[in-house]
């Protein structure tokens, strides 16, 4: 089902599942093809590039062709379907909220930024059925987002949002 007014935050694990076949990839790809208005943070995008680098150079899980193709697909999504949205972490009030989220949920800084972005950034203006869906394959991050009363799709164990 398509919700044109609903926005979706893709974390690093979701970005990877769009280009590498993993648990939850097929469901996410189907949902992604049927919906619009997806976004991520520049940090998640950078982390996704790092994950692909690790899979290619160090773990030898990707051929050079698959590595470069995966990056090409991610970049093409930025031009077509995924935008970059984030909060200004140099703002002391925002930085403080990110630190608080790190401590409260025992998260890394990049994951905490996503929670703060969902609470006070661009997507925070959407409510009800239009409320942003946070899409992640990270169980701990999904649980932290649910604790914060954010709309979450944990793609490893949950059906896609309706």
C-alpha atoms as a PDB file:
ATOM      1  CA  UNK A   1       0.000   0.000   0.000  1.00  0.00           C
ATOM      2  CA  UNK A   2       1.319   3.444  -0.887  1.00  0.00           C
ATOM      3  CA  UNK A   3       1.328   6.332   1.591  1.00  0.00           C
ATOM      4  CA  UNK A   4       2.550   9.348  -0.385  1.00  0.00           C
ATOM      5  CA  UNK A   5       2.512  11.618   2.665  1.00  0.00           C
ATOM      6  CA  UNK A   6       4.419   9.199   4.915  1.00  0.00           C
ATOM      7  CA  UNK A   7       8.151   9.687   5.254  1.00  0.00           C
ATOM      8  CA  UNK A   8      10.671   6.957   6.000  1.00  0.00           C
ATOM      9  CA  UNK A   9      14.098   7.143   7.656  1.00  0.00           C
ATOM     10  CA  UNK A  10      16.478   4.453   6.422  1.00  0.00           C
ATOM     11  CA  UNK A  11      19.293   3.696   8.840  1.00  0.00           C
ATOM     12  CA  UNK A  12      22.622   2.197   7.757  1.00  0.00           C
ATOM     13  CA  UNK A  13      21.408  -1.397   7.984  1.00  0.00           C
ATOM     14  CA  UNK A  14      18.382  -0.585   5.806  1.00  0.00           C
ATOM     15  CA  UNK A  15      20.551   1.137   3.191  1.00  0.00           C
ATOM     16  CA  UNK A  16      22.723  -1.975   3.025  1.00  0.00           C
ATOM     17  CA  UNK A  17      19.669  -4.234   2.691  1.00  0.00           C
ATOM     18  CA  UNK A  18      18.632  -2.245  -0.388  1.00  0.00           C
ATOM     19  CA  UNK A  19      21.832  -3.230  -2.226  1.00  0.00           C
ATOM     20  CA  UNK A  20      22.997  -6.502  -0.615  1.00  0.00           C
ATOM     21  CA  UNK A  21      20.725  -9.523  -0.155  1.00  0.00           C
ATOM     22  CA  UNK A  22      20.336 -10.116   3.578  1.00  0.00           C
ATOM     23  CA  UNK A  23      17.521 -11.072   5.936  1.00  0.00           C
ATOM     24  CA  UNK A  24      14.756  -8.532   5.373  1.00  0.00           C
ATOM     25  CA  UNK A  25      16.112  -7.303   2.019  1.00  0.00           C
ATOM     26  CA  UNK A  26      13.290  -8.589  -0.151  1.00  0.00           C
ATOM     27  CA  UNK A  27      10.545  -7.147   2.072  1.00  0.00           C
ATOM     28  CA  UNK A  28      12.347  -3.800   2.226  1.00  0.00           C
ATOM     29  CA  UNK A  29      12.962  -3.681  -1.533  1.00  0.00           C
ATOM     30  CA  UNK A  30       9.279  -4.381  -2.192  1.00  0.00           C
ATOM     31  CA  UNK A  31       8.184  -1.704   0.290  1.00  0.00           C
ATOM     32  CA  UNK A  32      10.758   0.734  -1.110  1.00  0.00           C
ATOM     33  CA  UNK A  33       9.492   0.212  -4.668  1.00  0.00           C
ATOM     34  CA  UNK A  34       5.884   0.834  -3.613  1.00  0.00           C
ATOM     35  CA  UNK A  35       6.418   3.960  -1.504  1.00  0.00           C
ATOM     36  CA  UNK A  36       8.042   7.347  -1.799  1.00  0.00           C
ATOM     37  CA  UNK A  37       9.633   9.944   0.460  1.00  0.00           C
ATOM     38  CA  UNK A  38      12.619   8.166   1.940  1.00  0.00           C
ATOM     39  CA  UNK A  39      15.510   9.880   3.633  1.00  0.00           C
ATOM     40  CA  UNK A  40      18.630   9.134   5.602  1.00  0.00           C
ATOM     41  CA  UNK A  41      21.365  11.097   7.336  1.00  0.00           C
ATOM     42  CA  UNK A  42      24.767  11.798   5.804  1.00  0.00           C
ATOM     43  CA  UNK A  43      26.270   9.809   8.668  1.00  0.00           C
ATOM     44  CA  UNK A  44      24.175   6.734   7.792  1.00  0.00           C
ATOM     45  CA  UNK A  45      25.121   7.108   4.144  1.00  0.00           C
ATOM     46  CA  UNK A  46      28.796   7.322   5.097  1.00  0.00           C
ATOM     47  CA  UNK A  47      28.441   4.318   7.395  1.00  0.00           C
ATOM     48  CA  UNK A  48      26.821   2.349   4.558  1.00  0.00           C
ATOM     49  CA  UNK A  49      29.819   3.099   2.337  1.00  0.00           C
ATOM     50  CA  UNK A  50      32.063   1.870   5.175  1.00  0.00           C
ATOM     51  CA  UNK A  51      30.079  -1.367   5.521  1.00  0.00           C
ATOM     52  CA  UNK A  52      30.378  -2.004   1.792  1.00  0.00           C
ATOM     53  CA  UNK A  53      34.116  -1.260   1.970  1.00  0.00           C
ATOM     54  CA  UNK A  54      34.525  -3.771   4.802  1.00  0.00           C
ATOM     55  CA  UNK A  55      32.546  -6.436   2.933  1.00  0.00           C
ATOM     56  CA  UNK A  56      34.700  -5.861  -0.163  1.00  0.00           C
ATOM     57  CA  UNK A  57      38.235  -5.208   1.106  1.00  0.00           C
ATOM     58  CA  UNK A  58      38.453  -7.014   4.430  1.00  0.00           C
ATOM     59  CA  UNK A  59      35.839  -9.759   4.577  1.00  0.00           C
ATOM     60  CA  UNK A  60      36.054 -10.537   0.855  1.00  0.00           C
ATOM     61  CA  UNK A  61      32.252 -11.013   0.759  1.00  0.00           C
ATOM     62  CA  UNK A  62      31.829  -8.818  -2.327  1.00  0.00           C
ATOM     63  CA  UNK A  63      33.556  -8.898  -5.668  1.00  0.00           C
ATOM     64  CA  UNK A  64      34.871  -5.603  -6.996  1.00  0.00           C
ATOM     65  CA  UNK A  65      31.980  -5.565  -9.479  1.00  0.00           C
ATOM     66  CA  UNK A  66      29.344  -6.096  -6.744  1.00  0.00           C
ATOM     67  CA  UNK A  67      31.025  -3.508  -4.500  1.00  0.00           C
ATOM     68  CA  UNK A  68      31.045  -0.823  -7.202  1.00  0.00           C
ATOM     69  CA  UNK A  69      27.539  -1.746  -8.367  1.00  0.00           C
ATOM     70  CA  UNK A  70      26.200  -1.476  -4.800  1.00  0.00           C
ATOM     71  CA  UNK A  71      27.705   2.002  -4.420  1.00  0.00           C
ATOM     72  CA  UNK A  72      26.325   3.043  -7.809  1.00  0.00           C
ATOM     73  CA  UNK A  73      22.838   1.929  -6.775  1.00  0.00           C
ATOM     74  CA  UNK A  74      23.022   3.788  -3.434  1.00  0.00           C
ATOM     75  CA  UNK A  75      24.184   6.984  -5.139  1.00  0.00           C
ATOM     76  CA  UNK A  76      21.468   6.671  -7.789  1.00  0.00           C
ATOM     77  CA  UNK A  77      18.870   6.409  -5.000  1.00  0.00           C
ATOM     78  CA  UNK A  78      20.135   9.745  -3.667  1.00  0.00           C
ATOM     79  CA  UNK A  79      19.363  11.297  -7.025  1.00  0.00           C
ATOM     80  CA  UNK A  80      15.941   9.667  -7.303  1.00  0.00           C
ATOM     81  CA  UNK A  81      14.271   8.575  -4.103  1.00  0.00           C
ATOM     82  CA  UNK A  82      16.313   9.170  -0.945  1.00  0.00           C
ATOM     83  CA  UNK A  83      17.116  12.609   0.438  1.00  0.00           C
ATOM     84  CA  UNK A  84      19.583  13.573   3.137  1.00  0.00           C
ATOM     85  CA  UNK A  85      18.004  15.171   6.218  1.00  0.00           C
ATOM     86  CA  UNK A  86      19.605  15.796   9.566  1.00  0.00           C
ATOM     87  CA  UNK A  87      19.878  17.981  12.590  1.00  0.00           C
ATOM     88  CA  UNK A  88      22.768  20.360  13.179  1.00  0.00           C
ATOM     89  CA  UNK A  89      24.975  18.513  15.676  1.00  0.00           C
ATOM     90  CA  UNK A  90      27.140  21.612  16.091  1.00  0.00           C
ATOM     91  CA  UNK A  91      24.147  23.231  17.826  1.00  0.00           C
ATOM     92  CA  UNK A  92      24.872  22.715  21.539  1.00  0.00           C
ATOM     93  CA  UNK A  93      21.256  21.952  22.400  1.00  0.00           C
ATOM     94  CA  UNK A  94      21.059  19.260  19.695  1.00  0.00           C
ATOM     95  CA  UNK A  95      24.481  17.874  20.683  1.00  0.00           C
ATOM     96  CA  UNK A  96      23.290  17.628  24.280  1.00  0.00           C
ATOM     97  CA  UNK A  97      20.164  15.713  23.221  1.00  0.00           C
ATOM     98  CA  UNK A  98      22.306  13.295  21.207  1.00  0.00           C
ATOM     99  CA  UNK A  99      24.587  12.752  24.217  1.00  0.00           C
ATOM    100  CA  UNK A 100      21.540  12.123  26.393  1.00  0.00           C
ATOM    101  CA  UNK A 101      20.258   9.512  23.916  1.00  0.00           C
ATOM    102  CA  UNK A 102      23.687   7.814  23.897  1.00  0.00           C
ATOM    103  CA  UNK A 103      23.581   7.521  27.677  1.00  0.00           C
ATOM    104  CA  UNK A 104      19.906   6.603  27.984  1.00  0.00           C
ATOM    105  CA  UNK A 105      19.985   3.808  25.397  1.00  0.00           C
ATOM    106  CA  UNK A 106      23.702   2.878  25.368  1.00  0.00           C
ATOM    107  CA  UNK A 107      23.912   3.705  21.656  1.00  0.00           C
ATOM    108  CA  UNK A 108      26.740   4.963  19.523  1.00  0.00           C
ATOM    109  CA  UNK A 109      26.659   8.621  18.545  1.00  0.00           C
ATOM    110  CA  UNK A 110      25.518   7.972  14.953  1.00  0.00           C
ATOM    111  CA  UNK A 111      22.524   5.926  16.113  1.00  0.00           C
ATOM    112  CA  UNK A 112      21.592   8.528  18.718  1.00  0.00           C
ATOM    113  CA  UNK A 113      21.623  11.249  16.037  1.00  0.00           C
ATOM    114  CA  UNK A 114      18.893   9.375  14.200  1.00  0.00           C
ATOM    115  CA  UNK A 115      16.644   9.315  17.274  1.00  0.00           C
ATOM    116  CA  UNK A 116      17.141  13.032  17.857  1.00  0.00           C
ATOM    117  CA  UNK A 117      16.545  13.773  14.171  1.00  0.00           C
ATOM    118  CA  UNK A 118      13.272  11.866  14.350  1.00  0.00           C
ATOM    119  CA  UNK A 119      12.220  13.749  17.489  1.00  0.00           C
ATOM    120  CA  UNK A 120      13.203  17.326  16.591  1.00  0.00           C
ATOM    121  CA  UNK A 121      14.357  17.446  12.949  1.00  0.00           C
ATOM    122  CA  UNK A 122      12.529  17.580   9.641  1.00  0.00           C
ATOM    123  CA  UNK A 123      10.383  14.466  10.224  1.00  0.00           C
ATOM    124  CA  UNK A 124       9.109  15.564  13.619  1.00  0.00           C
ATOM    125  CA  UNK A 125       6.425  17.725  11.986  1.00  0.00           C
ATOM    126  CA  UNK A 126       4.555  14.669  10.702  1.00  0.00           C
ATOM    127  CA  UNK A 127       1.897  13.091  12.907  1.00  0.00           C
ATOM    128  CA  UNK A 128      -0.748  10.385  12.760  1.00  0.00           C
ATOM    129  CA  UNK A 129      -0.633   8.222   9.632  1.00  0.00           C
ATOM    130  CA  UNK A 130       1.992  10.546   8.149  1.00  0.00           C
ATOM    131  CA  UNK A 131       4.383  10.046  11.067  1.00  0.00           C
ATOM    132  CA  UNK A 132       7.824   9.010   9.850  1.00  0.00           C
ATOM    133  CA  UNK A 133       8.579   5.287   9.826  1.00  0.00           C
ATOM    134  CA  UNK A 134      12.084   4.536  11.083  1.00  0.00           C
ATOM    135  CA  UNK A 135      13.340   1.489   9.160  1.00  0.00           C
ATOM    136  CA  UNK A 136      16.175  -0.489  10.750  1.00  0.00           C
ATOM    137  CA  UNK A 137      17.673  -3.946  10.960  1.00  0.00           C
ATOM    138  CA  UNK A 138      19.383  -3.073  14.262  1.00  0.00           C
ATOM    139  CA  UNK A 139      17.454  -4.626  17.158  1.00  0.00           C
ATOM    140  CA  UNK A 140      18.928  -2.400  19.859  1.00  0.00           C
ATOM    141  CA  UNK A 141      18.254   0.750  17.843  1.00  0.00           C
ATOM    142  CA  UNK A 142      14.701  -0.396  17.077  1.00  0.00           C
ATOM    143  CA  UNK A 143      14.053  -0.959  20.779  1.00  0.00           C
ATOM    144  CA  UNK A 144      15.467   2.476  21.660  1.00  0.00           C
ATOM    145  CA  UNK A 145      13.251   4.114  19.029  1.00  0.00           C
ATOM    146  CA  UNK A 146      10.183   2.299  20.367  1.00  0.00           C
ATOM    147  CA  UNK A 147      11.062   3.472  23.884  1.00  0.00           C
ATOM    148  CA  UNK A 148      11.063   7.017  22.479  1.00  0.00           C
ATOM    149  CA  UNK A 149       7.564   6.359  21.059  1.00  0.00           C
ATOM    150  CA  UNK A 150       8.753   6.605  17.468  1.00  0.00           C
ATOM    151  CA  UNK A 151       7.182   4.608  14.649  1.00  0.00           C
ATOM    152  CA  UNK A 152       9.621   1.780  13.847  1.00  0.00           C
ATOM    153  CA  UNK A 153       9.848  -1.090  11.412  1.00  0.00           C
ATOM    154  CA  UNK A 154      12.416  -3.635  12.630  1.00  0.00           C
ATOM    155  CA  UNK A 155      12.809  -5.378   9.283  1.00  0.00           C
ATOM    156  CA  UNK A 156      14.391  -8.539  10.675  1.00  0.00           C
ATOM    157  CA  UNK A 157      11.390  -9.699  12.730  1.00  0.00           C
ATOM    158  CA  UNK A 158       8.389  -7.480  11.949  1.00  0.00           C
ATOM    159  CA  UNK A 159       6.031  -7.297   8.974  1.00  0.00           C
ATOM    160  CA  UNK A 160       6.187  -4.157   6.876  1.00  0.00           C
ATOM    161  CA  UNK A 161       4.125  -1.239   8.162  1.00  0.00           C
ATOM    162  CA  UNK A 162       0.633  -0.849   6.847  1.00  0.00           C
END
